[in-house]
Amino acid sequence: MRAFAVGGFGEAPAIHDLPVPAAGAALLIRVNCAGVNPIDYKLIDRLTANSTYPFVVGVDFAGVVESVPPGERTFKAGDRVFGMAPHGAYTESIAIALAVEKEPLARIPGGVSDEQAAALPVSGLTALGSLELLKVAAGQRVVVMGATGGVGGYAVQMARALGAHVLATVRGDADEARRLGAEEVYDTKAVDVIDALHAAHSDGVDAILDLVNGKDAIRRDAEILKPGGGVVSTIGAADETWFAGRQVKAYNINAELNPAESSQGLDQVARMLAEGKITARISTTVDLDGAGQILKKLRSGGLRGKAVIRVQG
């Protein structure tokens, strides 16, 4: 099978011809599409001489079940499925073990394409889990900082579907944030967004999903949060103790701390997409030979919306 992988330590990722994985007690899945996320190149950057090679790139996928182990009753051959494969998704076939917590899998609902499904898992579950940690509810004021990225775009739509009043911060693409459903948009190119939000909401906001600010800049979020409010960082920047001293509950969401990262979470985001509560926002689609270029574009910040790789010709 063809796969986009790192062949050995220090090598650049490239197309390799690898054996089809032995399924054993796992499901064998033919991958039709793979989603592209920042974690894909970050995992490449973390490889060491002791990592397992070849290292297949990617996490998000959508495809069709080709075979199931004896006794399997949840899925059958021919089912359209999507999920997360931490052992690599930019490949023509993968084996998913249903008993492994970090390999959630769900059926693709009718009316949802493989491309749309492949764009959902990492970004969609991060957005959903962040809103769950923040306990976002109807009528609350919720700020999404970095509202037009992969996670931010889903979070704006999900928060609006919950009935929250969404305030977005962006860098130059205010119109896109409004299209997603943000009711107020603050452009970092035009204003100091913390000062502007404080001026507009002097009594504070209820929650902030911060996708952009580092360890120092994120502390300014406390200036606009109500006592008892919450902030989630997706880049590990929030000092929980520091925020607690200011009556703010802080979270650093990741694979270990995400209440939505499960097969049930996948079902939920897929239903949202099927019901029109969120859109996949796919801006770029390439074939497997274009994987390196699309990752390079994502790394440089030149990609808006979601990118998807069509794995099967």
Foldseek 3Di string as FASTA:
>chain_A
DWFFWAAAPPGDTAIDDDDADDQAQWWKWFFFKAWDDLVQVVVVVPDDNPDDPRQGTGWKTWTFTCQHDPPDDPDHGGFTKIWTDNSYDRARMDTANQVDFQTAMEGQDPPADRQLLNLDAPLPLVLVLQCVVQVQAAAFEEEEEQLFASNNLNNQLVSVVRNYQYEYEHAPPQVSSVVSPHPHYHHPVPDPVLVVLCVVCVQAGAEYEHADDAQVVCVSNLNRHHQCHEYEYQVPRDDQVVVVVSNYGYYHDDPVRGPLSHNVNSVVVSVCCVVVSHGQQEDEEEESNCVVVVSVCVVVVNDTGIYMYRDDD
